[in-house]
Amino acid sequence: MNSVLTALRVFEEVARLQPAGLSDLARRLEVPKSTVQRCLKTLEEAGWVRSSPEGRWEITGLAFRVGSAVAGRDNLREVALPELSALQMSTGETVHLAVPDGDELVLIERLDSSHQVRAFMALGTRLPLHAAATGKAFLATLSDERIAAYLSQTPAKTTEHTITDVDELWEEIALIRRRGYATTIEGLHDGICAVAVALRGRYGPARACFSISGPSSRLTPALFEDYGARALATRAAVERLLGE
C-alpha cells in the first residue's frame, strides 16, 4: 500500500510542477530518486504520465478523461473536439479547453497552432478566474454573490498587466455578459493575448470554457471581435451537439 501512496504522491507532484524533473520531484517529496523513477515508470506504463525528450515529466489526458467522467462531463471533450479543431484551423492559433475545479479552471485539452511562435500551456495547468480569458468567461456565468465572494480574496497579479482592481473586474464582467466573450491582453502570460467563451450548462454556471490564444504580436485587439464571433459560433455548435 505504501508504494501505491508514493506513486499517487509522485503523480500529484508531477501535475503541480509539470514539466517536472526527476531530481526536483525527489527533493520536494523527500523520496529517493530511485523510488521516484520506479513510480514514474509505472505511471508511464499505465498511461498517466509521459516523458519529454529532455527527461521531464507531465501528466497525460487520461487523468482528465477520468475526471470528466466522474464529474458527468464524459462526452464533453469527445463532442467538442471536432468543433474546436475547426476553430483552431480557421484561426491558426492555439485553442485551449478547460473545466472548472473550485475557484480555478483546469486545462484538459490543447490544440496547438502550427506557427513556430505560439501560445503553450501544459495539460493540467490551473488557471485563475480573474487573469485567464477562460477564467473570466467562466466568472461571468456565476451569480453576483459568488463573484463577490471570489473577488473578496484579493486577486493576485500574474503579470504586470493582470487586472486586479475589483471595480475594473466588475466592469469587465458586465462587458463579457453583454457581448458573450472574454479577452485578455497579457493578463495571464506576458506576450500572450486570448479570446474565450464559456460552454453553458443547462442549469447553473458553465461546464467548461475554451479560448483562442496567441502571441500579442499576432493576436491583436483588432482581431478580438472577429475571433469572439467565431468562438461564439463554435460554442453554439457544441451546445447543440450536447443538447444544451
Protein backbone atom coordinates (compact mmCIF):
# COMPACT_ATOMS: atom_id res chain seq x y z
CA MET A 1 0.00 0.00 0.00
CA ASN A 2 2.87 2.38 0.75
CA SER A 3 4.13 2.02 -2.82
CA VAL A 4 0.69 2.94 -4.16
CA LEU A 5 0.52 6.01 -1.94
CA THR A 6 4.01 7.04 -3.02
CA ALA A 7 3.04 6.70 -6.68
CA LEU A 8 -0.02 8.85 -6.07
CA ARG A 9 2.13 11.49 -4.37
CA VAL A 10 4.50 11.44 -7.35
CA PHE A 11 1.58 11.81 -9.75
CA GLU A 12 0.13 14.75 -7.81
CA GLU A 13 3.52 16.47 -7.71
CA VAL A 14 4.03 16.00 -11.45
CA ALA A 15 0.59 17.53 -12.03
CA ARG A 16 1.52 20.51 -9.86
CA LEU A 17 5.02 21.14 -11.25
CA GLN A 18 4.86 19.92 -14.83
CA PRO A 19 7.08 19.68 -16.67
CA ALA A 20 8.87 18.13 -13.68
CA GLY A 21 12.40 16.77 -13.43
CA LEU A 22 13.36 13.64 -11.51
CA SER A 23 15.72 15.40 -9.10
CA ASP A 24 13.21 18.14 -8.33
CA LEU A 25 10.48 15.58 -7.63
CA ALA A 26 12.73 13.56 -5.32
CA ARG A 27 13.78 16.66 -3.41
CA ARG A 28 10.26 18.02 -2.97
CA LEU A 29 8.79 14.66 -1.97
CA GLU A 30 11.80 13.73 0.18
CA VAL A 31 11.86 10.33 -1.52
CA PRO A 32 14.93 8.59 -3.05
CA LYS A 33 15.38 9.25 -6.76
CA SER A 34 15.32 5.52 -7.46
CA THR A 35 11.88 5.26 -5.85
CA VAL A 36 10.55 8.24 -7.79
CA GLN A 37 11.95 6.77 -11.01
CA ARG A 38 10.14 3.46 -10.40
CA CYS A 39 6.89 5.28 -9.71
CA LEU A 40 7.23 7.37 -12.86
CA LYS A 41 7.89 4.29 -14.98
CA THR A 42 4.84 2.56 -13.51
CA LEU A 43 2.67 5.62 -14.11
CA GLU A 44 4.04 5.91 -17.64
CA GLU A 45 3.25 2.26 -18.42
CA ALA A 46 -0.28 2.83 -17.14
CA GLY A 47 -0.67 5.89 -19.38
CA TRP A 48 -0.91 8.54 -16.64
CA VAL A 49 2.35 10.43 -17.30
CA ARG A 50 4.76 10.88 -20.18
CA SER A 51 8.39 11.95 -20.50
CA SER A 52 9.73 14.61 -22.85
CA PRO A 53 12.95 14.14 -24.86
CA GLU A 54 14.64 16.28 -22.20
CA GLY A 55 13.64 13.80 -19.49
CA ARG A 56 10.98 15.98 -17.86
CA TRP A 57 7.56 14.64 -16.94
CA GLU A 58 3.97 15.76 -17.42
CA ILE A 59 0.59 14.14 -16.98
CA THR A 60 -1.41 12.86 -19.95
CA GLY A 61 -5.01 13.43 -20.94
CA LEU A 62 -6.06 10.18 -19.25
CA ALA A 63 -6.45 11.88 -15.87
CA PHE A 64 -8.75 14.49 -17.34
CA ARG A 65 -10.84 11.94 -19.22
CA VAL A 66 -11.35 10.01 -15.99
CA GLY A 67 -12.06 13.19 -14.05
CA SER A 68 -14.50 14.37 -16.67
CA ALA A 69 -16.43 11.10 -16.49
CA VAL A 70 -16.66 11.34 -12.71
CA ALA A 71 -17.92 14.90 -12.97
CA GLY A 72 -20.53 13.99 -15.56
CA ARG A 73 -18.58 15.58 -18.41
CA ASP A 74 -17.75 12.26 -20.06
CA ASN A 75 -18.92 13.29 -23.53
CA LEU A 76 -17.85 16.94 -23.44
CA ARG A 77 -14.36 16.52 -24.86
CA GLU A 78 -15.46 13.94 -27.43
CA VAL A 79 -18.29 16.15 -28.69
CA ALA A 80 -16.39 19.44 -28.58
CA LEU A 81 -13.11 18.32 -30.13
CA PRO A 82 -14.15 18.36 -33.83
CA GLU A 83 -15.64 21.85 -33.47
CA LEU A 84 -12.62 23.12 -31.54
CA SER A 85 -10.32 21.62 -34.16
CA ALA A 86 -12.19 23.51 -36.86
CA LEU A 87 -11.82 26.70 -34.81
CA GLN A 88 -8.10 26.11 -34.46
CA MET A 89 -7.73 25.59 -38.19
CA SER A 90 -9.74 28.69 -39.08
CA THR A 91 -7.79 31.00 -36.75
CA GLY A 92 -4.38 29.33 -36.94
CA GLU A 93 -3.92 29.87 -33.21
CA THR A 94 -3.83 27.53 -30.22
CA VAL A 95 -7.19 26.52 -28.76
CA HIS A 96 -7.44 25.53 -25.07
CA LEU A 97 -10.31 23.73 -23.33
CA ALA A 98 -10.62 24.00 -19.54
CA VAL A 99 -13.11 22.83 -16.91
CA PRO A 100 -13.92 24.35 -13.52
CA ASP A 101 -12.36 22.98 -10.35
CA GLY A 102 -13.17 25.03 -7.28
CA ASP A 103 -12.04 28.62 -7.73
CA GLU A 104 -9.89 27.79 -10.75
CA LEU A 105 -10.10 26.15 -14.15
CA VAL A 106 -8.01 23.13 -15.17
CA LEU A 107 -6.71 22.77 -18.72
CA ILE A 108 -7.84 19.42 -20.19
CA GLU A 109 -7.17 19.84 -23.91
CA ARG A 110 -4.84 21.85 -26.13
CA LEU A 111 -4.95 22.08 -29.92
CA ASP A 112 -1.65 23.59 -30.98
CA SER A 113 -1.07 26.29 -33.56
CA SER A 114 1.22 25.31 -36.42
CA HIS A 115 3.14 28.57 -36.02
CA GLN A 116 6.64 28.25 -34.60
CA VAL A 117 5.86 31.03 -32.12
CA ARG A 118 2.63 30.12 -30.36
CA ALA A 119 0.81 30.04 -27.03
CA PHE A 120 1.53 26.96 -24.92
CA MET A 121 0.26 25.66 -21.58
CA ALA A 122 0.75 22.14 -20.24
CA LEU A 123 -2.28 19.94 -19.67
CA GLY A 124 -3.30 20.20 -16.05
CA THR A 125 -2.35 23.88 -15.76
CA ARG A 126 -4.59 25.62 -13.22
CA LEU A 127 -5.99 28.93 -14.42
CA PRO A 128 -7.02 31.82 -12.15
CA LEU A 129 -10.50 33.10 -12.86
CA HIS A 130 -9.57 36.80 -12.84
CA ALA A 131 -6.48 36.56 -15.10
CA ALA A 132 -7.13 33.95 -17.81
CA ALA A 133 -9.59 34.73 -20.61
CA THR A 134 -11.25 31.36 -19.98
CA GLY A 135 -11.37 32.18 -16.27
CA LYS A 136 -13.09 35.49 -16.85
CA ALA A 137 -15.55 33.87 -19.26
CA PHE A 138 -16.42 31.38 -16.51
CA LEU A 139 -16.54 34.06 -13.83
CA ALA A 140 -19.14 35.98 -15.83
CA THR A 141 -21.51 32.98 -15.70
CA LEU A 142 -21.56 32.92 -11.90
CA SER A 143 -24.05 34.73 -9.71
CA ASP A 144 -23.04 38.16 -8.45
CA GLU A 145 -22.85 36.72 -4.94
CA ARG A 146 -20.31 34.07 -5.95
CA ILE A 147 -18.30 36.60 -7.94
CA ALA A 148 -18.20 38.96 -4.95
CA ALA A 149 -17.01 36.12 -2.71
CA TYR A 150 -14.23 35.26 -5.18
CA LEU A 151 -13.11 38.86 -5.62
CA SER A 152 -13.05 39.39 -1.86
CA GLN A 153 -9.93 37.20 -1.76
CA THR A 154 -7.85 39.99 -3.38
CA PRO A 155 -6.91 38.67 -6.84
CA ALA A 156 -3.18 38.33 -7.40
CA LYS A 157 -1.20 39.61 -10.36
CA THR A 158 0.35 37.01 -12.65
CA THR A 159 1.85 39.69 -14.93
CA GLU A 160 2.10 43.46 -14.71
CA HIS A 161 -0.95 43.62 -17.00
CA THR A 162 -3.26 41.49 -14.81
CA ILE A 163 -6.35 43.41 -13.77
CA THR A 164 -6.76 43.10 -10.01
CA ASP A 165 -8.82 46.21 -9.24
CA VAL A 166 -12.23 44.92 -8.17
CA ASP A 167 -14.19 47.75 -9.80
CA GLU A 168 -12.39 47.20 -13.11
CA LEU A 169 -13.09 43.48 -12.92
CA TRP A 170 -16.79 44.10 -12.33
CA GLU A 171 -16.84 46.38 -15.38
CA GLU A 172 -15.15 43.68 -17.43
CA ILE A 173 -17.62 41.04 -16.21
CA ALA A 174 -20.50 43.28 -17.30
CA LEU A 175 -18.88 43.66 -20.74
CA ILE A 176 -18.39 39.89 -21.06
CA ARG A 177 -22.04 39.30 -20.22
CA ARG A 178 -23.15 41.81 -22.87
CA ARG A 179 -21.00 40.61 -25.76
CA GLY A 180 -20.67 36.92 -24.80
CA TYR A 181 -16.88 36.53 -24.86
CA ALA A 182 -13.91 37.44 -22.67
CA THR A 183 -10.46 38.70 -23.62
CA THR A 184 -7.09 39.15 -22.00
CA ILE A 185 -4.15 41.24 -23.14
CA GLU A 186 -1.09 39.68 -21.49
CA GLY A 187 -3.12 39.26 -18.29
CA LEU A 188 -2.10 35.65 -17.67
CA HIS A 189 1.22 35.37 -19.50
CA ASP A 190 3.46 38.08 -20.88
CA GLY A 191 3.25 38.33 -24.65
CA ILE A 192 0.02 36.32 -24.97
CA CYS A 193 -3.49 37.51 -25.82
CA ALA A 194 -6.63 35.39 -25.81
CA VAL A 195 -10.35 35.37 -26.56
CA ALA A 196 -12.59 32.93 -24.67
CA VAL A 197 -16.19 31.83 -24.21
CA ALA A 198 -17.99 29.63 -21.71
CA LEU A 199 -19.85 26.45 -22.64
CA ARG A 200 -23.05 26.95 -20.72
CA GLY A 201 -24.63 24.21 -18.65
CA ARG A 202 -28.35 23.62 -18.69
CA TYR A 203 -28.51 24.80 -15.09
CA GLY A 204 -26.08 26.94 -13.12
CA PRO A 205 -22.61 28.05 -14.20
CA ALA A 206 -20.66 26.95 -17.25
CA ARG A 207 -19.48 23.35 -17.57
CA ALA A 208 -16.32 24.32 -19.49
CA CYS A 209 -14.61 27.20 -21.29
CA PHE A 210 -12.39 27.39 -24.35
CA SER A 211 -10.06 30.04 -25.70
CA ILE A 212 -8.16 31.11 -28.79
CA SER A 213 -4.66 32.12 -27.66
CA GLY A 214 -1.68 33.54 -29.49
CA PRO A 215 1.29 35.90 -29.32
CA SER A 216 0.27 39.52 -28.77
CA SER A 217 2.21 40.46 -31.90
CA ARG A 218 -0.20 38.37 -33.98
CA LEU A 219 -3.42 38.08 -31.97
CA THR A 220 -4.01 41.80 -31.57
CA PRO A 221 -7.10 43.55 -30.12
CA ALA A 222 -8.13 44.32 -33.71
CA LEU A 223 -8.94 40.59 -34.06
CA PHE A 224 -10.93 40.27 -30.83
CA GLU A 225 -14.35 40.95 -32.35
CA ASP A 226 -13.79 38.54 -35.25
CA TYR A 227 -12.38 35.78 -33.03
CA GLY A 228 -15.10 36.40 -30.47
CA ALA A 229 -17.75 35.85 -33.15
CA ARG A 230 -16.00 32.66 -34.31
CA ALA A 231 -15.79 31.39 -30.73
CA LEU A 232 -19.48 32.12 -30.14
CA ALA A 233 -20.41 30.25 -33.32
CA THR A 234 -18.29 27.30 -32.18
CA ARG A 235 -19.98 27.39 -28.78
CA ALA A 236 -23.42 27.31 -30.39
CA ALA A 237 -22.42 24.28 -32.46
CA VAL A 238 -21.01 22.41 -29.45
CA GLU A 239 -24.02 23.20 -27.28
CA ARG A 240 -26.39 21.94 -29.98
CA LEU A 241 -24.45 18.68 -30.11
CA LEU A 242 -24.50 18.40 -26.32
CA GLY A 243 -28.23 19.09 -26.25
CA GLU A 244 -27.85 22.12 -24.00
